[in-house]
Amino acid sequence: MAPADPHDTPRVIAVFGPTGSGKTEVAVEVASRLGTEVVNCDPAQCYRGLPILTNQPGPEHDAVAPHRMVGVWDMDHEATFVDFAAQAHAEIDTLVEECGAAVACGGSGLYLQAALTHLPDADRSGLPPLDPAARAVLEARYDDEGGAVLHAELAGLDPSVAARVHANDRVRIVRALEVAQRGESIAPEGGSHWDAPRRHPTQLVGLDVDRDVLRARIDERTVRMFAAGVLDEVAALAGASGQDADAVFSSTARKLHGLDDCLGVLRGDWSRERAIELMAARTRQYAKRQRTWARRWPGLVPLDATGASVGDLASAALVSPVPPP
């Protein structure tokens, strides 16, 4: 690989966007032009064994530019953004040193930000420790009652944090409320994950797609996933009737997007057609949250990907001004 000239390009280009926006294709094109590789920042794609369910990049993508951090965790791995960040930092630093540049790509705002910055470690920085049981209850409430209800509750307990967190930011709402219920705060010094300084000069671009177009893409992709055999790959791990799921998947792997929809078919809870409807609906909801993250992310350069070609989007990502680290 010919190294990129660090004087002409940012050391890291990060590509964000909702699921179905084409960020993988743009990321590999950017990496190919820079003579580097893509560091995956989607925690679902870090898991090994469910490439269809997690929409992992395929050989056609790696033929353009290889990916790192894909399929590196077993299904019993308990994922945290702190451990993920350590791995991602090492991969990004290696590419910057060897190639002059790296490309980071992902649809999780928290994990992509963790790859680009030094986020606080709850266990090592004096922040309140995690409470998995309380978090599980709040996550269920968020899904059942909606973000607005939990945001209002947070505002009553920790108004300074609530003022900086959008009701659609599920991860931060749940974490902040988990801590606030104990009479503590996730940001006693007023800090924010979104404002953390970057580790390298970084260009962060966010792909956006017209809502109706994105909805159609998500629905079509969901149908393709089932046609490609997503139920078979879930059954290969969880058993033909899903009976092995609890023994195979860690608590974090158990939350993989669409896994419950597939397990429901294996268990006989609903039909394949119903699973397609459920998965598509949940994916659309997730895409809505991703678009909200993009609008709130300081320094993110929005790129309209509705009708643009991959080449044009890659060019736009490379010519935008780069903020200092």
Protein backbone atom coordinates (compact mmCIF):
# COMPACT_ATOMS: atom_id res chain seq x y z
CA MET A 1 0.00 0.00 0.00
CA ALA A 2 1.31 3.43 -0.90
CA PRO A 3 1.09 5.67 2.17
CA ALA A 4 -0.99 8.82 2.00
CA ASP A 5 0.72 12.19 2.29
CA PRO A 6 -0.13 13.40 5.81
CA HIS A 7 0.30 17.02 4.68
CA ASP A 8 -2.45 16.73 2.06
CA THR A 9 -5.04 14.66 3.94
CA PRO A 10 -6.38 14.27 7.47
CA ARG A 11 -4.91 11.43 9.41
CA VAL A 12 -8.38 10.00 10.05
CA ILE A 13 -11.54 10.27 7.99
CA ALA A 14 -14.61 9.06 9.84
CA VAL A 15 -17.78 8.10 7.98
CA PHE A 16 -21.05 8.07 9.90
CA GLY A 17 -24.61 7.61 8.75
CA PRO A 18 -27.86 5.76 9.34
CA THR A 19 -28.14 2.13 8.38
CA GLY A 20 -28.81 1.90 4.67
CA SER A 21 -27.05 5.15 3.81
CA GLY A 22 -24.17 3.46 1.97
CA LYS A 23 -21.44 4.39 4.44
CA THR A 24 -19.52 1.13 3.94
CA GLU A 25 -19.19 1.73 0.20
CA VAL A 26 -18.07 5.32 0.76
CA ALA A 27 -15.59 4.32 3.46
CA VAL A 28 -13.87 1.69 1.31
CA GLU A 29 -13.65 4.11 -1.63
CA VAL A 30 -12.05 6.77 0.59
CA ALA A 31 -9.64 4.21 2.04
CA SER A 32 -8.73 2.97 -1.43
CA ARG A 33 -7.87 6.49 -2.58
CA LEU A 34 -5.74 7.05 0.53
CA GLY A 35 -3.98 3.70 0.29
CA THR A 36 -5.17 2.61 3.72
CA GLU A 37 -7.80 0.41 5.38
CA VAL A 38 -11.15 0.81 7.15
CA VAL A 39 -11.52 0.35 10.91
CA ASN A 40 -15.02 -0.91 11.65
CA CYS A 41 -16.69 1.02 14.48
CA ASP A 42 -19.99 -0.86 14.53
CA PRO A 43 -19.93 -3.13 17.60
CA ALA A 44 -22.42 -5.56 16.01
CA GLN A 45 -19.98 -6.23 13.16
CA CYS A 46 -17.22 -6.99 15.67
CA TYR A 47 -19.04 -10.23 16.50
CA ARG A 48 -18.15 -13.38 14.61
CA GLY A 49 -20.73 -15.80 13.21
CA LEU A 50 -23.65 -13.68 12.00
CA PRO A 51 -22.39 -11.81 8.92
CA ILE A 52 -25.85 -11.49 7.33
CA LEU A 53 -27.62 -10.33 10.48
CA THR A 54 -24.94 -7.73 11.27
CA ASN A 55 -24.47 -6.64 7.64
CA GLN A 56 -20.73 -7.19 7.74
CA PRO A 57 -18.70 -5.92 4.78
CA GLY A 58 -18.09 -8.71 2.28
CA PRO A 59 -15.29 -9.75 -0.07
CA GLU A 60 -16.48 -7.19 -2.61
CA HIS A 61 -15.74 -4.44 -0.09
CA ASP A 62 -12.41 -5.87 1.08
CA ALA A 63 -11.34 -6.13 -2.55
CA VAL A 64 -11.48 -2.32 -2.66
CA ALA A 65 -10.04 -1.72 0.83
CA PRO A 66 -9.63 -4.23 3.68
CA HIS A 67 -11.52 -3.91 6.95
CA ARG A 68 -10.21 -4.27 10.48
CA MET A 69 -12.25 -5.00 13.64
CA VAL A 70 -14.75 -7.19 11.77
CA GLY A 71 -15.54 -10.59 13.30
CA VAL A 72 -12.99 -10.23 16.11
CA TRP A 73 -15.27 -11.19 19.05
CA ASP A 74 -16.83 -14.53 19.91
CA MET A 75 -20.54 -14.47 20.67
CA ASP A 76 -19.89 -14.87 24.40
CA HIS A 77 -17.85 -11.65 24.49
CA GLU A 78 -19.24 -8.93 26.78
CA ALA A 79 -18.74 -5.69 24.85
CA THR A 80 -17.99 -2.30 26.41
CA PHE A 81 -17.08 0.85 24.58
CA VAL A 82 -13.96 1.14 26.78
CA ASP A 83 -12.52 -2.21 25.65
CA PHE A 84 -13.62 -1.55 22.08
CA ALA A 85 -11.87 1.83 22.13
CA ALA A 86 -8.56 0.27 23.15
CA GLN A 87 -8.72 -2.10 20.17
CA ALA A 88 -9.85 0.59 17.75
CA HIS A 89 -7.17 3.04 18.91
CA ALA A 90 -4.48 0.44 18.28
CA GLU A 91 -5.76 -0.28 14.76
CA ILE A 92 -6.14 3.39 13.85
CA ASP A 93 -2.70 4.28 15.22
CA THR A 94 -1.10 1.44 13.27
CA LEU A 95 -2.69 2.57 10.00
CA VAL A 96 -1.76 6.21 10.61
CA GLU A 97 1.84 5.19 11.27
CA GLU A 98 2.14 2.74 8.37
CA CYS A 99 -0.10 4.37 5.74
CA GLY A 100 -0.32 7.98 6.84
CA ALA A 101 -4.08 7.83 7.24
CA ALA A 102 -6.95 5.66 8.47
CA VAL A 103 -10.67 5.49 7.76
CA ALA A 104 -13.16 4.80 10.56
CA CYS A 105 -16.71 3.79 9.76
CA GLY A 106 -19.74 3.01 11.88
CA GLY A 107 -23.37 3.71 12.66
CA SER A 108 -23.08 3.79 16.46
CA GLY A 109 -22.35 7.33 17.56
CA LEU A 110 -20.95 6.22 20.91
CA TYR A 111 -18.59 3.60 19.50
CA LEU A 112 -17.39 5.77 16.62
CA GLN A 113 -16.74 8.62 19.04
CA ALA A 114 -14.90 6.19 21.33
CA ALA A 115 -12.66 5.22 18.41
CA LEU A 116 -11.87 8.84 17.59
CA THR A 117 -11.39 10.23 21.11
CA HIS A 118 -10.51 9.35 24.69
CA LEU A 119 -13.90 8.95 26.37
CA PRO A 120 -14.08 8.71 30.17
CA ASP A 121 -13.80 5.22 31.59
CA ALA A 122 -16.48 4.76 34.22
CA ASP A 123 -14.31 2.30 36.12
CA ARG A 124 -11.08 4.28 36.05
CA SER A 125 -11.93 7.99 36.01
CA GLY A 126 -13.98 8.45 39.17
CA LEU A 127 -17.29 8.29 37.29
CA PRO A 128 -20.09 6.18 38.78
CA PRO A 129 -19.76 2.43 38.05
CA LEU A 130 -22.13 0.60 35.75
CA ASP A 131 -25.23 -1.13 37.12
CA PRO A 132 -26.28 -3.76 34.54
CA ALA A 133 -29.53 -4.65 36.34
CA ALA A 134 -30.71 -1.05 36.56
CA ARG A 135 -29.67 -0.43 32.97
CA ALA A 136 -31.70 -3.40 31.72
CA VAL A 137 -34.82 -2.06 33.45
CA LEU A 138 -34.32 1.42 32.00
CA GLU A 139 -33.65 0.08 28.50
CA ALA A 140 -36.91 -1.85 28.63
CA ARG A 141 -38.73 1.26 29.85
CA TYR A 142 -37.18 3.36 27.10
CA ASP A 143 -38.40 0.92 24.47
CA ASP A 144 -41.87 0.61 26.01
CA GLU A 145 -42.54 4.16 27.19
CA GLY A 146 -40.42 6.22 24.80
CA GLY A 147 -37.45 8.52 25.17
CA ALA A 148 -39.52 11.59 26.05
CA VAL A 149 -40.77 9.98 29.26
CA LEU A 150 -37.30 9.04 30.47
CA HIS A 151 -35.87 12.39 29.38
CA ALA A 152 -38.46 14.19 31.49
CA GLU A 153 -37.57 11.97 34.44
CA LEU A 154 -33.88 12.76 33.93
CA ALA A 155 -34.64 16.48 33.78
CA GLY A 156 -36.18 16.25 37.23
CA LEU A 157 -33.14 14.46 38.68
CA ASP A 158 -30.21 15.97 36.75
CA PRO A 159 -31.34 18.99 34.70
CA SER A 160 -27.82 20.02 33.62
CA VAL A 161 -27.22 16.65 31.94
CA ALA A 162 -30.76 16.48 30.54
CA ALA A 163 -30.17 19.83 28.83
CA ARG A 164 -27.30 18.33 26.85
CA VAL A 165 -28.89 14.98 25.98
CA HIS A 166 -31.59 14.55 23.33
CA ALA A 167 -34.56 12.34 24.16
CA ASN A 168 -33.71 10.16 21.14
CA ASP A 169 -30.18 9.43 22.42
CA ARG A 170 -31.09 6.09 23.99
CA VAL A 171 -27.58 5.19 25.20
CA ARG A 172 -26.93 8.43 27.07
CA ILE A 173 -30.48 8.82 28.41
CA VAL A 174 -30.36 5.35 29.93
CA ARG A 175 -26.84 5.78 31.34
CA ALA A 176 -27.57 9.25 32.75
CA LEU A 177 -30.83 8.15 34.37
CA GLU A 178 -29.22 4.98 35.76
CA VAL A 179 -26.69 7.19 37.56
CA ALA A 180 -29.12 9.99 38.47
CA GLN A 181 -31.40 7.53 40.26
CA ARG A 182 -28.51 6.92 42.66
CA GLY A 183 -28.15 10.63 43.33
CA GLU A 184 -25.01 10.97 41.19
CA SER A 185 -24.21 12.47 37.78
CA ILE A 186 -22.41 11.20 34.68
CA ALA A 187 -20.87 14.63 34.08
CA PRO A 188 -20.06 16.35 37.38
CA GLU A 189 -17.62 18.66 35.59
CA GLY A 190 -20.03 19.50 32.78
CA GLY A 191 -18.22 17.37 30.22
CA SER A 192 -19.85 15.66 27.25
CA HIS A 193 -18.94 12.67 25.13
CA TRP A 194 -19.71 14.71 22.03
CA ASP A 195 -17.15 17.39 22.94
CA ALA A 196 -14.21 15.07 23.65
CA PRO A 197 -11.07 16.09 21.73
CA ARG A 198 -9.96 13.94 18.81
CA ARG A 199 -6.84 11.80 19.02
CA HIS A 200 -5.75 12.65 15.44
CA PRO A 201 -6.67 15.40 12.96
CA THR A 202 -10.01 14.02 11.86
CA GLN A 203 -12.58 14.75 9.20
CA LEU A 204 -16.01 13.50 10.31
CA VAL A 205 -18.62 13.24 7.57
CA GLY A 206 -22.21 12.18 8.00
CA LEU A 207 -24.20 10.67 5.15
CA ASP A 208 -27.87 11.56 5.08
CA VAL A 209 -30.60 10.15 2.87
CA ASP A 210 -34.13 11.35 2.20
CA ARG A 211 -36.42 9.71 4.76
CA ASP A 212 -38.69 7.99 2.24
CA VAL A 213 -35.73 6.73 0.22
CA LEU A 214 -34.04 5.42 3.36
CA ARG A 215 -37.24 3.67 4.45
CA ALA A 216 -37.46 1.88 1.10
CA ARG A 217 -33.80 0.85 1.27
CA ILE A 218 -34.24 -0.56 4.77
CA ASP A 219 -37.35 -2.51 3.81
CA GLU A 220 -35.68 -3.94 0.70
CA ARG A 221 -32.50 -4.86 2.54
CA THR A 222 -34.46 -6.65 5.27
CA VAL A 223 -36.18 -8.81 2.67
CA ARG A 224 -32.79 -9.57 1.08
CA MET A 225 -31.36 -10.63 4.43
CA PHE A 226 -34.03 -13.26 4.88
CA ALA A 227 -33.64 -14.42 1.29
CA ALA A 228 -29.88 -14.72 1.90
CA GLY A 229 -30.42 -17.09 4.84
CA VAL A 230 -30.30 -14.99 8.01
CA LEU A 231 -32.57 -17.49 9.79
CA ASP A 232 -30.20 -20.35 8.92
CA GLU A 233 -27.15 -18.55 10.31
CA VAL A 234 -28.96 -17.72 13.56
CA ALA A 235 -30.14 -21.34 13.85
CA ALA A 236 -26.57 -22.57 13.32
CA LEU A 237 -25.59 -20.81 16.56
CA ALA A 238 -28.78 -20.78 18.61
CA GLY A 239 -30.19 -24.18 17.63
CA ALA A 240 -33.00 -25.07 15.25
CA SER A 241 -35.62 -23.86 17.75
CA GLY A 242 -33.48 -21.19 19.40
CA GLN A 243 -32.97 -23.36 22.46
CA ASP A 244 -29.25 -22.60 22.80
CA ALA A 245 -29.48 -18.79 22.61
CA ASP A 246 -28.97 -18.11 26.33
CA ALA A 247 -25.88 -20.34 26.41
CA VAL A 248 -24.31 -18.98 23.24
CA PHE A 249 -24.80 -15.20 23.39
CA SER A 250 -23.39 -12.78 25.94
CA SER A 251 -25.73 -10.16 27.34
CA THR A 252 -24.43 -7.64 24.81
CA ALA A 253 -24.50 -10.04 21.86
CA ARG A 254 -28.05 -10.93 22.85
CA LYS A 255 -28.98 -7.34 21.93
CA LEU A 256 -27.76 -7.63 18.33
CA HIS A 257 -30.23 -5.82 16.12
CA GLY A 258 -32.72 -8.28 14.63
CA LEU A 259 -31.63 -11.28 16.69
CA ASP A 260 -34.85 -11.44 18.69
CA ASP A 261 -36.89 -11.18 15.50
CA CYS A 262 -35.12 -14.23 14.08
CA LEU A 263 -35.26 -16.19 17.33
CA GLY A 264 -39.01 -15.60 17.42
CA VAL A 265 -39.36 -17.46 14.13
CA LEU A 266 -37.19 -20.35 15.34
CA ARG A 267 -39.22 -20.63 18.54
CA GLY A 268 -42.50 -20.52 16.64
CA ASP A 269 -43.60 -17.23 18.21
CA TRP A 270 -44.33 -15.62 14.83
CA SER A 271 -43.97 -16.19 11.11
CA ARG A 272 -41.08 -15.35 8.83
CA GLU A 273 -43.22 -12.59 7.28
CA ARG A 274 -43.92 -11.10 10.71
CA ALA A 275 -40.22 -11.19 11.54
CA ILE A 276 -39.46 -9.22 8.38
CA GLU A 277 -42.00 -6.59 9.40
CA LEU A 278 -40.64 -6.38 12.95
CA MET A 279 -37.01 -6.16 11.88
CA ALA A 280 -37.69 -3.51 9.25
CA ALA A 281 -39.68 -1.42 11.73
CA ARG A 282 -36.97 -1.61 14.39
CA THR A 283 -34.32 -0.74 11.81
CA ARG A 284 -36.26 2.32 10.73
CA GLN A 285 -36.51 3.42 14.38
CA TYR A 286 -32.77 2.95 14.81
CA ALA A 287 -32.06 4.93 11.64
CA LYS A 288 -34.15 7.77 13.04
CA ARG A 289 -32.00 7.82 16.18
CA GLN A 290 -28.84 7.76 14.07
CA ARG A 291 -29.99 10.82 12.11
CA THR A 292 -30.63 12.59 15.41
CA TRP A 293 -27.08 11.83 16.56
CA ALA A 294 -25.71 13.25 13.31
CA ARG A 295 -27.56 16.54 13.76
CA ARG A 296 -26.14 16.96 17.26
CA TRP A 297 -22.52 15.95 16.59
CA PRO A 298 -20.16 18.97 16.75
CA GLY A 299 -17.96 19.30 13.67
CA LEU A 300 -19.80 16.71 11.57
CA VAL A 301 -19.94 17.67 7.88
CA PRO A 302 -23.28 16.53 6.40
CA LEU A 303 -23.28 14.99 2.93
CA ASP A 304 -26.53 14.37 1.04
CA ALA A 305 -26.26 10.77 -0.13
CA THR A 306 -29.77 10.48 -1.56
CA GLY A 307 -28.78 10.57 -5.20
CA ALA A 308 -25.01 11.05 -5.08
CA SER A 309 -22.58 8.45 -6.37
CA VAL A 310 -20.07 6.71 -4.12
CA GLY A 311 -17.26 8.44 -6.00
CA ASP A 312 -18.74 11.90 -5.52
CA LEU A 313 -19.32 11.29 -1.82
CA ALA A 314 -15.76 10.02 -1.38
CA SER A 315 -14.43 13.12 -3.12
CA ALA A 316 -16.52 15.37 -0.89
CA ALA A 317 -15.24 13.58 2.21
CA LEU A 318 -11.65 14.17 1.11
CA VAL A 319 -11.88 17.86 0.25
CA SER A 320 -13.73 19.13 3.34
CA PRO A 321 -11.70 21.22 5.81
CA VAL A 322 -10.15 19.29 8.65
CA PRO A 323 -10.35 20.57 12.24
CA PRO A 324 -7.29 20.25 14.48
CA PRO A 325 -7.08 17.29 16.93
